[in-house]
Amino acid sequence: MADPVVVELANKLAEECLAVQGEVGDDRLFMKVGEVLGASSQTLEEAFLTAVRTRMANDAGRRFLAQQLKAHRAANPKT
């Protein structure tokens, strides 16, 4: 398990990176940031990439659920 400070730093940086990534339209920006981190701290790089990927997976899961619910409601309108 990583040091709690490392996890906290990684989580904050992941949130900031995803916000910038969305604004600039570069869906691989997090990989570039990971490379920068890896040059000086493999530990922070790994924690950061994990934090980004879990957030991206969560977002994808939420989008999928919303699509499923929308499709269900379209196929089964309330009367």
C-alpha atoms as a PDB file:
ATOM      1  CA  MET A   1       0.000   0.000   0.000  1.00  0.00           C
ATOM      2  CA  ALA A   2       1.315   3.424  -0.922  1.00  0.00           C
ATOM      3  CA  ASP A   3       2.025   6.116   1.614  1.00  0.00           C
ATOM      4  CA  PRO A   4      -1.193   8.060   2.365  1.00  0.00           C
ATOM      5  CA  VAL A   5       0.540  11.298   1.327  1.00  0.00           C
ATOM      6  CA  VAL A   6       1.375   9.780  -2.069  1.00  0.00           C
ATOM      7  CA  VAL A   7      -2.227   8.663  -2.527  1.00  0.00           C
ATOM      8  CA  GLU A   8      -3.510  12.105  -1.550  1.00  0.00           C
ATOM      9  CA  LEU A   9      -1.137  13.830  -3.981  1.00  0.00           C
ATOM     10  CA  ALA A  10      -2.052  11.383  -6.745  1.00  0.00           C
ATOM     11  CA  ASN A  11      -5.778  11.867  -6.179  1.00  0.00           C
ATOM     12  CA  LYS A  12      -5.524  15.662  -6.274  1.00  0.00           C
ATOM     13  CA  LEU A  13      -3.366  15.593  -9.388  1.00  0.00           C
ATOM     14  CA  ALA A  14      -5.725  13.109 -11.055  1.00  0.00           C
ATOM     15  CA  GLU A  15      -8.711  15.395 -10.464  1.00  0.00           C
ATOM     16  CA  GLU A  16      -6.828  18.393 -11.847  1.00  0.00           C
ATOM     17  CA  CYS A  17      -5.488  16.452 -14.813  1.00  0.00           C
ATOM     18  CA  LEU A  18      -8.904  15.117 -15.806  1.00  0.00           C
ATOM     19  CA  ALA A  19     -10.348  18.625 -15.641  1.00  0.00           C
ATOM     20  CA  VAL A  20      -7.580  20.009 -17.866  1.00  0.00           C
ATOM     21  CA  GLN A  21      -7.796  16.967 -20.129  1.00  0.00           C
ATOM     22  CA  GLY A  22     -11.486  17.627 -20.694  1.00  0.00           C
ATOM     23  CA  GLU A  23     -10.940  21.302 -21.365  1.00  0.00           C
ATOM     24  CA  VAL A  24      -8.082  20.893 -23.841  1.00  0.00           C
ATOM     25  CA  GLY A  25      -9.601  17.840 -25.535  1.00  0.00           C
ATOM     26  CA  ASP A  26      -6.564  15.571 -25.142  1.00  0.00           C
ATOM     27  CA  ASP A  27      -7.879  12.238 -23.872  1.00  0.00           C
ATOM     28  CA  ARG A  28      -4.320  10.933 -23.359  1.00  0.00           C
ATOM     29  CA  LEU A  29      -2.993  13.891 -21.398  1.00  0.00           C
ATOM     30  CA  PHE A  30      -2.907  11.740 -18.271  1.00  0.00           C
ATOM     31  CA  MET A  31      -0.349   9.452 -19.939  1.00  0.00           C
ATOM     32  CA  LYS A  32       1.911  12.434 -20.640  1.00  0.00           C
ATOM     33  CA  VAL A  33       1.609  13.566 -17.030  1.00  0.00           C
ATOM     34  CA  GLY A  34       2.408  10.006 -15.961  1.00  0.00           C
ATOM     35  CA  GLU A  35       5.617  10.108 -17.997  1.00  0.00           C
ATOM     36  CA  VAL A  36       6.648  13.344 -16.308  1.00  0.00           C
ATOM     37  CA  LEU A  37       5.964  11.831 -12.884  1.00  0.00           C
ATOM     38  CA  GLY A  38       7.753   8.600 -13.739  1.00  0.00           C
ATOM     39  CA  ALA A  39      10.955  10.489 -14.478  1.00  0.00           C
ATOM     40  CA  SER A  40      11.289  11.319 -10.799  1.00  0.00           C
ATOM     41  CA  SER A  41       8.906   9.073  -8.859  1.00  0.00           C
ATOM     42  CA  GLN A  42       7.627   5.729 -10.088  1.00  0.00           C
ATOM     43  CA  THR A  43       5.571   5.453  -6.905  1.00  0.00           C
ATOM     44  CA  LEU A  44       3.683   8.683  -7.586  1.00  0.00           C
ATOM     45  CA  GLU A  45       3.333   7.769 -11.265  1.00  0.00           C
ATOM     46  CA  GLU A  46       1.667   4.450 -10.418  1.00  0.00           C
ATOM     47  CA  ALA A  47      -0.631   6.012  -7.818  1.00  0.00           C
ATOM     48  CA  PHE A  48      -1.578   8.798 -10.240  1.00  0.00           C
ATOM     49  CA  LEU A  49      -2.315   6.442 -13.131  1.00  0.00           C
ATOM     50  CA  THR A  50      -4.419   4.260 -10.838  1.00  0.00           C
ATOM     51  CA  ALA A  51      -6.336   7.303  -9.611  1.00  0.00           C
ATOM     52  CA  VAL A  52      -6.987   8.509 -13.164  1.00  0.00           C
ATOM     53  CA  ARG A  53      -8.002   5.096 -14.475  1.00  0.00           C
ATOM     54  CA  THR A  54     -10.383   4.409 -11.608  1.00  0.00           C
ATOM     55  CA  ARG A  55     -12.070   7.766 -12.157  1.00  0.00           C
ATOM     56  CA  MET A  56     -12.308   7.172 -15.896  1.00  0.00           C
ATOM     57  CA  ALA A  57     -13.724   3.692 -15.282  1.00  0.00           C
ATOM     58  CA  ASN A  58     -16.253   5.115 -12.833  1.00  0.00           C
ATOM     59  CA  ASP A  59     -17.335   7.719 -15.392  1.00  0.00           C
ATOM     60  CA  ALA A  60     -17.666   5.039 -18.089  1.00  0.00           C
ATOM     61  CA  GLY A  61     -19.730   2.871 -15.764  1.00  0.00           C
ATOM     62  CA  ARG A  62     -22.038   5.749 -14.922  1.00  0.00           C
ATOM     63  CA  ARG A  63     -22.483   6.613 -18.618  1.00  0.00           C
ATOM     64  CA  PHE A  64     -23.309   2.972 -19.348  1.00  0.00           C
ATOM     65  CA  LEU A  65     -25.899   2.840 -16.569  1.00  0.00           C
ATOM     66  CA  ALA A  66     -27.487   6.082 -17.777  1.00  0.00           C
ATOM     67  CA  GLN A  67     -27.691   4.701 -21.326  1.00  0.00           C
ATOM     68  CA  GLN A  68     -29.246   1.473 -20.090  1.00  0.00           C
ATOM     69  CA  LEU A  69     -31.843   3.338 -18.055  1.00  0.00           C
ATOM     70  CA  LYS A  70     -32.631   5.647 -20.978  1.00  0.00           C
ATOM     71  CA  ALA A  71     -33.087   2.659 -23.308  1.00  0.00           C
ATOM     72  CA  HIS A  72     -35.270   0.874 -20.770  1.00  0.00           C
ATOM     73  CA  ARG A  73     -37.478   3.917 -20.264  1.00  0.00           C
ATOM     74  CA  ALA A  74     -37.790   4.430 -24.025  1.00  0.00           C
ATOM     75  CA  ALA A  75     -38.858   0.795 -24.471  1.00  0.00           C
ATOM     76  CA  ASN A  76     -41.181   0.865 -21.457  1.00  0.00           C
ATOM     77  CA  PRO A  77     -42.887   4.257 -21.288  1.00  0.00           C
ATOM     78  CA  LYS A  78     -45.065   4.925 -18.255  1.00  0.00           C
ATOM     79  CA  THR A  79     -48.748   4.943 -19.045  1.00  0.00           C
END
